[in-house]
N, C-alpha and C. Protein backbone atom coordinates (compact mmCIF):
# COMPACT_ATOMS: atom_id res chain seq x y z
N UNK A 1 -53.76 41.88 -32.43
CA UNK A 1 -53.47 41.52 -33.73
C UNK A 1 -52.21 42.02 -34.19
N UNK A 2 -51.76 43.43 -33.88
CA UNK A 2 -50.48 43.67 -34.07
C UNK A 2 -49.27 42.91 -33.49
N UNK A 3 -49.61 42.40 -32.31
CA UNK A 3 -48.70 41.61 -31.61
C UNK A 3 -48.34 40.26 -32.44
N UNK A 4 -49.35 39.72 -32.83
CA UNK A 4 -49.40 38.49 -33.66
C UNK A 4 -48.55 38.67 -34.86
N UNK A 5 -48.75 39.74 -35.55
CA UNK A 5 -48.10 40.09 -36.86
C UNK A 5 -46.42 40.47 -36.63
N UNK A 6 -46.20 41.04 -35.47
CA UNK A 6 -44.76 41.50 -35.10
C UNK A 6 -44.09 40.26 -34.62
N UNK A 7 -44.76 39.35 -33.96
CA UNK A 7 -44.07 37.96 -33.69
C UNK A 7 -43.88 37.28 -35.02
N UNK A 8 -45.07 37.15 -35.69
CA UNK A 8 -44.62 36.59 -36.89
C UNK A 8 -43.51 36.84 -37.83
N UNK A 9 -43.31 38.19 -37.95
CA UNK A 9 -42.21 38.95 -38.59
C UNK A 9 -40.92 38.55 -38.15
N UNK A 10 -40.94 38.50 -36.76
CA UNK A 10 -39.57 38.27 -36.10
C UNK A 10 -39.25 36.99 -36.32
N UNK A 11 -40.19 35.99 -36.28
CA UNK A 11 -39.95 34.62 -36.47
C UNK A 11 -39.23 34.34 -37.98
N UNK A 12 -40.02 35.12 -39.01
CA UNK A 12 -39.57 35.02 -40.12
C UNK A 12 -38.30 35.56 -40.55
N UNK A 13 -37.78 36.57 -39.77
CA UNK A 13 -36.48 37.10 -39.92
C UNK A 13 -35.52 36.31 -39.19
N UNK A 14 -35.78 35.76 -38.19
CA UNK A 14 -34.81 34.83 -37.43
C UNK A 14 -34.64 33.52 -38.31
N UNK A 15 -35.59 33.12 -39.04
CA UNK A 15 -35.62 31.92 -39.78
C UNK A 15 -34.76 32.11 -41.04
N UNK A 16 -34.61 33.36 -41.52
CA UNK A 16 -33.84 33.79 -42.75
C UNK A 16 -32.41 33.50 -42.44
N UNK A 17 -32.01 33.83 -41.38
CA UNK A 17 -30.33 34.10 -40.90
C UNK A 17 -30.16 32.71 -40.42
N UNK A 18 -30.96 31.62 -39.94
CA UNK A 18 -30.73 30.57 -39.14
C UNK A 18 -29.69 29.66 -39.92
N UNK A 19 -29.55 29.81 -41.18
CA UNK A 19 -28.71 28.89 -42.01
C UNK A 19 -27.46 29.34 -41.81
N UNK A 20 -27.16 30.43 -42.21
CA UNK A 20 -25.71 31.08 -41.57
C UNK A 20 -25.37 30.84 -40.21
N UNK A 21 -26.23 31.24 -39.31
CA UNK A 21 -25.81 31.13 -37.92
C UNK A 21 -25.47 29.46 -37.56
N UNK A 22 -26.26 28.69 -38.28
CA UNK A 22 -26.08 27.12 -37.88
C UNK A 22 -24.62 26.60 -38.47
N UNK A 23 -24.36 27.07 -39.75
CA UNK A 23 -23.18 26.88 -40.39
C UNK A 23 -21.91 27.42 -39.53
N UNK A 24 -22.19 28.56 -38.96
CA UNK A 24 -21.03 29.59 -38.24
C UNK A 24 -20.87 28.63 -37.06
N UNK A 25 -21.97 28.29 -36.32
CA UNK A 25 -21.98 27.40 -35.12
C UNK A 25 -21.31 26.11 -35.33
N UNK A 26 -21.54 25.45 -36.34
CA UNK A 26 -21.07 24.17 -36.68
C UNK A 26 -19.41 24.37 -36.76
N UNK A 27 -19.03 25.42 -37.48
CA UNK A 27 -17.59 25.58 -37.83
C UNK A 27 -16.91 25.99 -36.46
N UNK A 28 -17.63 26.81 -35.53
CA UNK A 28 -17.16 27.29 -34.31
C UNK A 28 -16.88 25.94 -33.43
N UNK A 29 -18.03 25.02 -33.45
CA UNK A 29 -17.89 23.67 -32.62
C UNK A 29 -16.83 22.92 -33.14
N UNK A 30 -16.57 22.72 -34.53
CA UNK A 30 -15.60 21.71 -35.10
C UNK A 30 -14.11 22.19 -34.50
N UNK A 31 -14.08 23.59 -34.74
CA UNK A 31 -12.65 24.12 -34.30
C UNK A 31 -12.39 23.96 -32.82
N UNK A 32 -13.49 24.14 -32.03
CA UNK A 32 -13.32 23.88 -30.42
C UNK A 32 -13.13 22.35 -30.18
N UNK A 33 -13.72 21.47 -30.98
CA UNK A 33 -13.42 20.18 -30.79
C UNK A 33 -12.04 19.79 -31.21
N UNK A 34 -11.53 20.22 -32.41
CA UNK A 34 -10.00 20.05 -32.60
C UNK A 34 -9.18 20.57 -31.62
N UNK A 35 -9.50 21.64 -31.07
CA UNK A 35 -8.43 22.21 -30.03
C UNK A 35 -8.36 21.49 -28.75
N UNK A 36 -9.66 20.88 -28.40
CA UNK A 36 -9.57 20.01 -27.08
C UNK A 36 -9.09 18.73 -27.54
N UNK A 37 -9.19 18.07 -28.69
CA UNK A 37 -8.41 16.95 -29.13
C UNK A 37 -6.95 17.02 -29.09
N UNK A 38 -6.56 18.09 -29.75
CA UNK A 38 -4.99 18.33 -29.84
C UNK A 38 -4.56 18.42 -28.47
N UNK A 39 -5.24 19.14 -27.54
CA UNK A 39 -4.80 19.42 -26.06
C UNK A 39 -4.67 18.05 -25.30
N UNK A 40 -5.63 17.22 -25.63
CA UNK A 40 -5.45 15.85 -24.83
C UNK A 40 -4.54 14.83 -25.55
N UNK A 41 -4.14 15.15 -26.67
CA UNK A 41 -3.25 14.09 -27.44
C UNK A 41 -1.71 14.70 -27.21
N UNK A 42 -1.62 15.71 -26.54
CA UNK A 42 -0.26 16.41 -26.42
C UNK A 42 0.50 15.53 -25.22
N UNK A 43 1.77 15.09 -25.53
CA UNK A 43 2.54 14.31 -24.51
C UNK A 43 3.39 15.39 -23.58
N UNK A 44 3.52 15.11 -22.47
CA UNK A 44 4.36 15.88 -21.77
C UNK A 44 5.93 15.71 -22.07
N UNK A 45 6.74 16.50 -21.99
CA UNK A 45 8.19 16.23 -22.37
C UNK A 45 8.83 15.06 -21.38
N UNK A 46 9.58 14.16 -22.10
CA UNK A 46 10.30 13.28 -21.55
C UNK A 46 11.12 13.76 -20.38
N UNK A 47 11.12 13.36 -19.34
CA UNK A 47 11.86 13.63 -18.14
C UNK A 47 12.94 12.47 -17.92
N UNK A 48 14.06 12.83 -17.97
CA UNK A 48 15.24 11.86 -17.61
C UNK A 48 15.20 11.33 -16.31
N UNK A 49 15.46 10.02 -15.99
CA UNK A 49 15.64 9.83 -14.58
C UNK A 49 16.83 8.79 -14.48
N UNK A 50 17.08 8.79 -13.12
CA UNK A 50 18.29 8.14 -12.65
C UNK A 50 17.83 7.24 -11.67
N UNK A 51 17.80 5.82 -11.84
CA UNK A 51 17.43 5.13 -10.65
C UNK A 51 18.39 5.21 -9.54
N UNK A 52 17.84 5.13 -8.27
CA UNK A 52 18.75 5.28 -7.04
C UNK A 52 19.36 3.97 -6.62
N UNK A 53 20.07 3.95 -5.88
CA UNK A 53 20.85 2.84 -5.34
C UNK A 53 19.80 1.99 -4.33
N UNK A 54 19.76 0.81 -4.63
CA UNK A 54 18.84 -0.11 -3.77
C UNK A 54 19.94 -0.82 -2.70
N UNK A 55 19.58 -0.32 -1.44
CA UNK A 55 20.44 -0.74 -0.26
C UNK A 55 20.13 -2.06 0.15
N UNK A 56 20.73 -2.56 1.11
CA UNK A 56 20.53 -3.79 1.69
C UNK A 56 19.24 -3.59 2.61
N UNK A 57 19.23 -2.46 3.20
CA UNK A 57 17.91 -2.22 4.06
C UNK A 57 16.64 -2.21 3.38
N UNK A 58 16.83 -1.69 2.08
CA UNK A 58 15.50 -1.76 1.16
C UNK A 58 15.40 -3.20 0.84
N UNK A 59 16.18 -4.05 0.67
CA UNK A 59 16.09 -5.43 0.29
C UNK A 59 15.34 -6.28 1.49
N UNK A 60 15.82 -5.82 2.62
CA UNK A 60 15.16 -6.46 3.76
C UNK A 60 13.82 -5.92 4.01
N UNK A 61 13.62 -4.73 3.82
CA UNK A 61 12.22 -4.07 3.97
C UNK A 61 11.16 -4.80 3.13
N UNK A 62 11.48 -5.21 2.10
CA UNK A 62 10.55 -5.56 0.92
C UNK A 62 10.74 -7.17 0.72
N UNK A 63 11.48 -7.75 1.56
CA UNK A 63 11.73 -9.09 1.61
C UNK A 63 12.25 -9.69 0.42
N UNK A 64 13.10 -8.97 -0.21
CA UNK A 64 13.51 -9.33 -1.53
C UNK A 64 14.64 -10.54 -1.33
N UNK A 65 14.22 -11.73 -1.58
CA UNK A 65 15.01 -13.05 -1.33
C UNK A 65 15.05 -13.86 -2.57
N UNK A 66 15.68 -15.01 -2.44
CA UNK A 66 15.71 -15.95 -3.64
C UNK A 66 16.49 -15.63 -4.76
N UNK A 67 16.17 -16.30 -5.94
CA UNK A 67 17.21 -16.05 -7.16
C UNK A 67 16.71 -14.84 -7.70
N UNK A 68 17.69 -14.12 -8.14
CA UNK A 68 17.49 -12.76 -8.90
C UNK A 68 18.56 -12.46 -9.53
N UNK A 69 18.29 -11.55 -10.48
CA UNK A 69 19.40 -10.81 -11.30
C UNK A 69 19.33 -9.40 -11.04
N UNK A 70 20.49 -8.89 -10.76
CA UNK A 70 20.57 -7.31 -10.32
C UNK A 70 21.44 -6.66 -11.22
N UNK A 71 21.05 -5.36 -11.64
CA UNK A 71 21.91 -4.34 -12.37
C UNK A 71 22.82 -3.78 -11.34
N UNK A 72 24.09 -3.91 -11.55
CA UNK A 72 25.01 -3.24 -10.60
C UNK A 72 25.17 -1.74 -10.89
N UNK A 73 25.29 -1.16 -9.75
CA UNK A 73 25.76 0.21 -9.80
C UNK A 73 27.15 0.44 -10.50
N UNK A 74 27.48 1.34 -11.18
CA UNK A 74 28.85 1.51 -11.88
C UNK A 74 29.91 1.43 -10.63
N UNK A 75 29.55 1.46 -9.46
CA UNK A 75 30.55 1.55 -8.40
C UNK A 75 30.90 -0.01 -8.16
N UNK A 76 29.94 -0.71 -8.61
CA UNK A 76 30.10 -2.36 -8.37
C UNK A 76 29.56 -2.74 -6.96
N UNK A 77 29.20 -1.85 -6.10
CA UNK A 77 28.72 -2.13 -4.70
C UNK A 77 27.47 -2.37 -4.45
N UNK A 78 26.63 -1.45 -5.20
CA UNK A 78 25.13 -1.56 -4.83
C UNK A 78 24.39 -1.88 -6.22
N UNK A 79 23.09 -2.04 -6.07
CA UNK A 79 22.27 -2.36 -7.42
C UNK A 79 21.39 -1.14 -7.70
N UNK A 80 20.99 -0.96 -9.04
CA UNK A 80 20.15 -0.02 -9.56
C UNK A 80 18.85 -0.55 -9.93
N UNK A 81 18.83 -2.14 -9.89
CA UNK A 81 17.51 -2.75 -10.37
C UNK A 81 17.70 -4.12 -9.87
N UNK A 82 16.60 -4.65 -9.58
CA UNK A 82 16.61 -6.08 -9.13
C UNK A 82 15.41 -6.77 -9.87
N UNK A 83 15.71 -7.99 -10.61
CA UNK A 83 14.73 -8.73 -11.04
C UNK A 83 14.60 -10.05 -10.40
N UNK A 84 13.38 -10.55 -10.28
CA UNK A 84 13.18 -11.89 -9.71
C UNK A 84 11.97 -12.59 -10.73
N UNK A 85 11.58 -13.75 -10.63
CA UNK A 85 10.65 -14.30 -11.44
C UNK A 85 9.19 -13.69 -11.39
N UNK A 86 8.83 -13.30 -10.13
CA UNK A 86 7.41 -12.60 -10.24
C UNK A 86 7.49 -11.13 -10.10
N UNK A 87 8.65 -10.38 -9.96
CA UNK A 87 8.56 -8.93 -9.87
C UNK A 87 10.05 -8.53 -10.11
N UNK A 88 10.19 -7.27 -10.21
CA UNK A 88 11.26 -6.40 -10.61
C UNK A 88 11.25 -5.10 -9.61
N UNK A 89 12.25 -4.70 -9.14
CA UNK A 89 12.34 -3.40 -8.24
C UNK A 89 13.31 -2.42 -8.80
N UNK A 90 12.88 -1.27 -8.82
CA UNK A 90 13.84 0.09 -9.12
C UNK A 90 13.38 1.09 -7.96
N UNK A 91 14.31 1.90 -7.58
CA UNK A 91 14.06 2.77 -6.59
C UNK A 91 14.15 4.20 -7.37
N UNK A 92 13.20 5.02 -7.04
CA UNK A 92 12.77 6.38 -7.72
C UNK A 92 12.17 7.25 -6.64
N UNK A 93 13.02 8.44 -6.67
CA UNK A 93 12.31 9.52 -5.56
C UNK A 93 12.37 8.94 -4.13
N UNK A 94 13.41 8.14 -3.74
CA UNK A 94 13.42 7.38 -2.47
C UNK A 94 12.43 6.23 -2.29
N UNK A 95 11.65 5.92 -3.38
CA UNK A 95 10.75 4.90 -3.06
C UNK A 95 11.04 3.66 -3.91
N UNK A 96 10.84 2.51 -3.42
CA UNK A 96 11.00 1.33 -4.29
C UNK A 96 9.78 1.12 -5.10
N UNK A 97 9.83 1.04 -6.25
CA UNK A 97 8.84 0.72 -7.15
C UNK A 97 8.84 -0.72 -7.80
N UNK A 98 7.64 -1.32 -7.76
CA UNK A 98 7.47 -2.66 -8.19
C UNK A 98 6.95 -2.72 -9.50
N UNK A 99 7.49 -3.50 -10.26
CA UNK A 99 7.06 -3.79 -11.52
C UNK A 99 6.73 -5.34 -11.82
N UNK A 100 5.85 -5.47 -12.68
CA UNK A 100 5.44 -7.04 -13.00
C UNK A 100 6.04 -7.64 -14.23
N UNK A 101 6.18 -8.75 -14.18
CA UNK A 101 6.96 -9.44 -15.38
C UNK A 101 6.09 -9.50 -16.60
N UNK A 102 6.95 -9.36 -17.76
CA UNK A 102 6.21 -9.58 -19.01
C UNK A 102 6.62 -10.93 -19.49
N UNK A 103 5.98 -11.98 -18.97
CA UNK A 103 6.15 -13.45 -19.08
C UNK A 103 6.27 -13.89 -20.77
N UNK A 104 6.06 -12.72 -21.74
CA UNK A 104 6.15 -13.30 -22.90
C UNK A 104 7.50 -12.81 -23.50
N UNK A 105 8.30 -12.06 -22.68
CA UNK A 105 9.58 -11.67 -22.92
C UNK A 105 10.62 -12.86 -22.65
N UNK A 106 11.70 -12.61 -23.47
CA UNK A 106 12.86 -13.83 -23.16
C UNK A 106 13.00 -14.20 -21.74
N UNK A 107 13.20 -15.33 -21.27
CA UNK A 107 13.54 -15.65 -20.07
C UNK A 107 15.25 -15.49 -19.78
N UNK A 108 15.61 -15.21 -18.63
CA UNK A 108 16.97 -15.03 -18.27
C UNK A 108 17.29 -16.05 -17.00
N UNK A 109 18.59 -16.10 -16.63
CA UNK A 109 18.85 -16.94 -15.42
C UNK A 109 17.87 -16.88 -14.23
N UNK A 110 17.72 -17.88 -13.42
CA UNK A 110 17.02 -17.86 -12.22
C UNK A 110 15.47 -17.59 -12.46
N UNK A 111 15.03 -17.92 -13.65
CA UNK A 111 13.46 -17.58 -13.92
C UNK A 111 13.32 -16.11 -14.10
N UNK A 112 14.25 -15.21 -14.14
CA UNK A 112 13.72 -13.81 -14.40
C UNK A 112 13.48 -13.55 -15.78
N UNK A 113 12.83 -12.14 -16.06
CA UNK A 113 12.60 -12.05 -17.47
C UNK A 113 13.32 -10.99 -17.90
N UNK A 114 13.36 -10.51 -19.17
CA UNK A 114 14.01 -9.31 -20.00
C UNK A 114 13.11 -8.13 -19.76
N UNK A 115 11.78 -8.19 -19.45
CA UNK A 115 10.90 -6.98 -19.54
C UNK A 115 10.00 -7.16 -18.25
N UNK A 116 9.84 -6.01 -17.66
CA UNK A 116 8.95 -6.04 -16.70
C UNK A 116 8.09 -4.60 -16.76
N UNK A 117 6.93 -4.46 -16.33
CA UNK A 117 6.07 -3.31 -16.49
C UNK A 117 5.41 -2.93 -15.30
N UNK A 118 5.36 -1.51 -15.24
CA UNK A 118 4.65 -0.85 -14.08
C UNK A 118 3.75 0.08 -14.68
N UNK A 119 3.21 0.94 -13.64
CA UNK A 119 2.21 1.87 -14.04
C UNK A 119 2.76 3.00 -14.57
N UNK A 120 3.94 3.61 -14.26
CA UNK A 120 4.62 4.95 -15.01
C UNK A 120 5.91 4.24 -15.93
N UNK A 121 6.36 3.22 -15.52
CA UNK A 121 7.63 2.88 -16.32
C UNK A 121 7.59 1.50 -16.68
N UNK A 122 8.49 1.10 -17.51
CA UNK A 122 8.83 -0.49 -17.89
C UNK A 122 10.48 -0.41 -17.83
N UNK A 123 10.77 -1.68 -17.55
CA UNK A 123 12.10 -2.02 -17.26
C UNK A 123 12.54 -3.09 -18.04
N UNK A 124 13.60 -2.91 -18.85
CA UNK A 124 14.18 -3.93 -19.73
C UNK A 124 15.62 -4.03 -19.23
N UNK A 125 15.93 -5.46 -18.73
CA UNK A 125 17.17 -5.74 -18.08
C UNK A 125 17.75 -6.91 -19.24
N UNK A 126 18.62 -6.83 -19.93
CA UNK A 126 19.13 -7.61 -20.91
C UNK A 126 20.67 -8.14 -20.75
N UNK A 127 20.89 -9.29 -20.45
CA UNK A 127 22.30 -9.91 -20.43
C UNK A 127 22.82 -9.67 -22.01
N UNK A 128 24.11 -9.32 -22.08
CA UNK A 128 24.46 -9.22 -23.35
C UNK A 128 25.51 -10.47 -23.78
N UNK A 129 25.74 -11.14 -22.75
CA UNK A 129 26.51 -12.34 -23.15
C UNK A 129 25.47 -13.73 -22.63
N UNK A 130 25.81 -14.70 -23.24
CA UNK A 130 24.85 -15.91 -22.98
C UNK A 130 25.55 -16.41 -21.52
N UNK A 131 24.76 -17.32 -21.00
CA UNK A 131 25.26 -17.84 -19.68
C UNK A 131 26.44 -18.58 -19.86
N UNK A 132 26.85 -19.25 -20.80
CA UNK A 132 28.15 -19.93 -20.91
C UNK A 132 29.33 -19.10 -21.02
N UNK A 133 29.12 -17.67 -21.56
CA UNK A 133 30.08 -16.96 -21.65
C UNK A 133 30.24 -15.87 -20.27
N UNK A 134 29.38 -16.12 -19.45
CA UNK A 134 29.42 -15.22 -18.33
C UNK A 134 30.23 -15.82 -17.19
N UNK A 135 30.78 -14.85 -16.51
CA UNK A 135 31.80 -15.18 -15.36
C UNK A 135 30.76 -15.79 -14.35
N UNK A 136 31.27 -16.41 -13.37
CA UNK A 136 30.15 -17.15 -12.43
C UNK A 136 29.26 -16.13 -11.79
N UNK A 137 28.00 -16.08 -12.24
CA UNK A 137 27.10 -15.39 -11.64
C UNK A 137 27.06 -13.86 -12.11
N UNK A 138 27.74 -13.46 -13.09
CA UNK A 138 27.76 -12.18 -13.36
C UNK A 138 28.23 -11.95 -15.05
N UNK A 139 27.57 -10.86 -15.76
CA UNK A 139 28.21 -10.77 -16.96
C UNK A 139 27.70 -9.34 -17.41
N UNK A 140 28.22 -8.86 -18.66
CA UNK A 140 27.89 -7.57 -19.18
C UNK A 140 26.26 -7.57 -19.46
N UNK A 141 25.77 -6.42 -19.28
CA UNK A 141 24.29 -6.34 -19.68
C UNK A 141 23.91 -4.95 -19.78
N UNK A 142 22.68 -4.64 -20.05
CA UNK A 142 22.13 -3.28 -20.13
C UNK A 142 20.80 -3.24 -19.28
N UNK A 143 20.44 -2.06 -18.87
CA UNK A 143 19.21 -1.70 -18.19
C UNK A 143 18.85 -0.51 -19.21
N UNK A 144 17.33 -0.74 -19.38
CA UNK A 144 16.73 0.45 -20.08
C UNK A 144 15.32 0.63 -19.43
N UNK A 145 14.95 1.91 -19.12
CA UNK A 145 13.84 2.36 -18.43
C UNK A 145 13.04 3.23 -19.64
N UNK A 146 11.79 2.86 -19.84
CA UNK A 146 10.85 3.65 -20.54
C UNK A 146 9.76 4.13 -19.83
N UNK A 147 9.29 5.33 -20.14
CA UNK A 147 7.96 5.89 -19.50
C UNK A 147 6.81 5.34 -20.05
N UNK A 148 5.60 5.93 -19.55
CA UNK A 148 4.30 5.48 -19.85
C UNK A 148 4.20 5.57 -21.53
N UNK A 149 4.80 6.63 -22.09
CA UNK A 149 4.54 6.87 -23.53
C UNK A 149 5.58 6.01 -24.39
N UNK A 150 6.29 5.15 -23.74
CA UNK A 150 7.30 4.18 -24.43
C UNK A 150 8.50 5.06 -24.85
N UNK A 151 8.88 6.01 -24.00
CA UNK A 151 10.06 6.83 -24.38
C UNK A 151 11.14 6.49 -23.48
N UNK A 152 12.32 6.13 -24.05
CA UNK A 152 13.50 5.87 -23.37
C UNK A 152 13.86 7.12 -22.31
N UNK A 153 14.04 6.82 -21.01
CA UNK A 153 14.36 7.84 -19.94
C UNK A 153 15.57 7.48 -19.06
N UNK A 154 15.84 6.37 -19.33
CA UNK A 154 17.43 5.93 -18.67
C UNK A 154 17.88 4.70 -19.57
N UNK A 155 19.10 4.76 -19.61
CA UNK A 155 19.86 3.52 -20.27
C UNK A 155 21.25 3.36 -19.55
N UNK A 156 21.81 2.30 -19.28
CA UNK A 156 23.08 1.92 -18.80
C UNK A 156 23.58 0.78 -18.97
N UNK A 157 24.79 0.62 -19.61
CA UNK A 157 25.56 -0.74 -19.82
C UNK A 157 26.37 -0.78 -18.63
N UNK A 158 26.36 -2.05 -18.11
CA UNK A 158 26.83 -2.28 -16.69
C UNK A 158 26.87 -3.89 -16.46
N UNK A 159 27.40 -4.41 -15.40
CA UNK A 159 27.41 -5.84 -15.13
C UNK A 159 25.97 -5.99 -14.43
N UNK A 160 25.36 -7.23 -14.68
CA UNK A 160 24.30 -7.82 -14.17
C UNK A 160 24.68 -9.15 -13.36
N UNK A 161 24.48 -9.16 -12.39
CA UNK A 161 24.75 -10.20 -11.41
C UNK A 161 23.58 -11.14 -11.21
N UNK A 162 23.57 -12.56 -11.34
CA UNK A 162 22.61 -13.57 -11.16
C UNK A 162 22.84 -14.30 -9.91
N UNK A 163 22.10 -14.34 -9.00
CA UNK A 163 22.74 -15.33 -7.82
C UNK A 163 21.42 -15.49 -7.13
N UNK A 164 21.60 -16.45 -5.90
CA UNK A 164 20.71 -16.66 -4.76
C UNK A 164 21.06 -15.68 -3.71
N UNK A 165 19.83 -15.15 -3.32
CA UNK A 165 20.07 -14.05 -2.06
C UNK A 165 19.31 -14.70 -1.14
């Protein structure tokens, strides 16, 4: 009998404080959830990148032929990016990265597009002169690379060459 009375008393005591405990636990849970959400929504700092030179052997390795527009390296000898109707290429960390065309973006010479998207980066290649103002096959333009958070990580104004390869 004493055991039943003792158990009933403990139950009654625990019920008295459960309102405060429940409110305290709910507040703790809400704080924990807010901290997790904040951590998940944090963006890493933007990392500047510089596309590497695309060599003739890179072009041959990936069988990059046909009509294309290419962003010239400031030296005027090699390319930093190449755009074709169905893909674009940039070289990062020694690897050629393929990007798909955004066919909703403005079209450029040789059926190329202004914007191409990839898993980690997007590429915008824009001729700043219209075709009539361009020298045969080349004209001023700009390349812009954005990261997966749509932050600019590279921009260069240079010549863009459009030709059959």
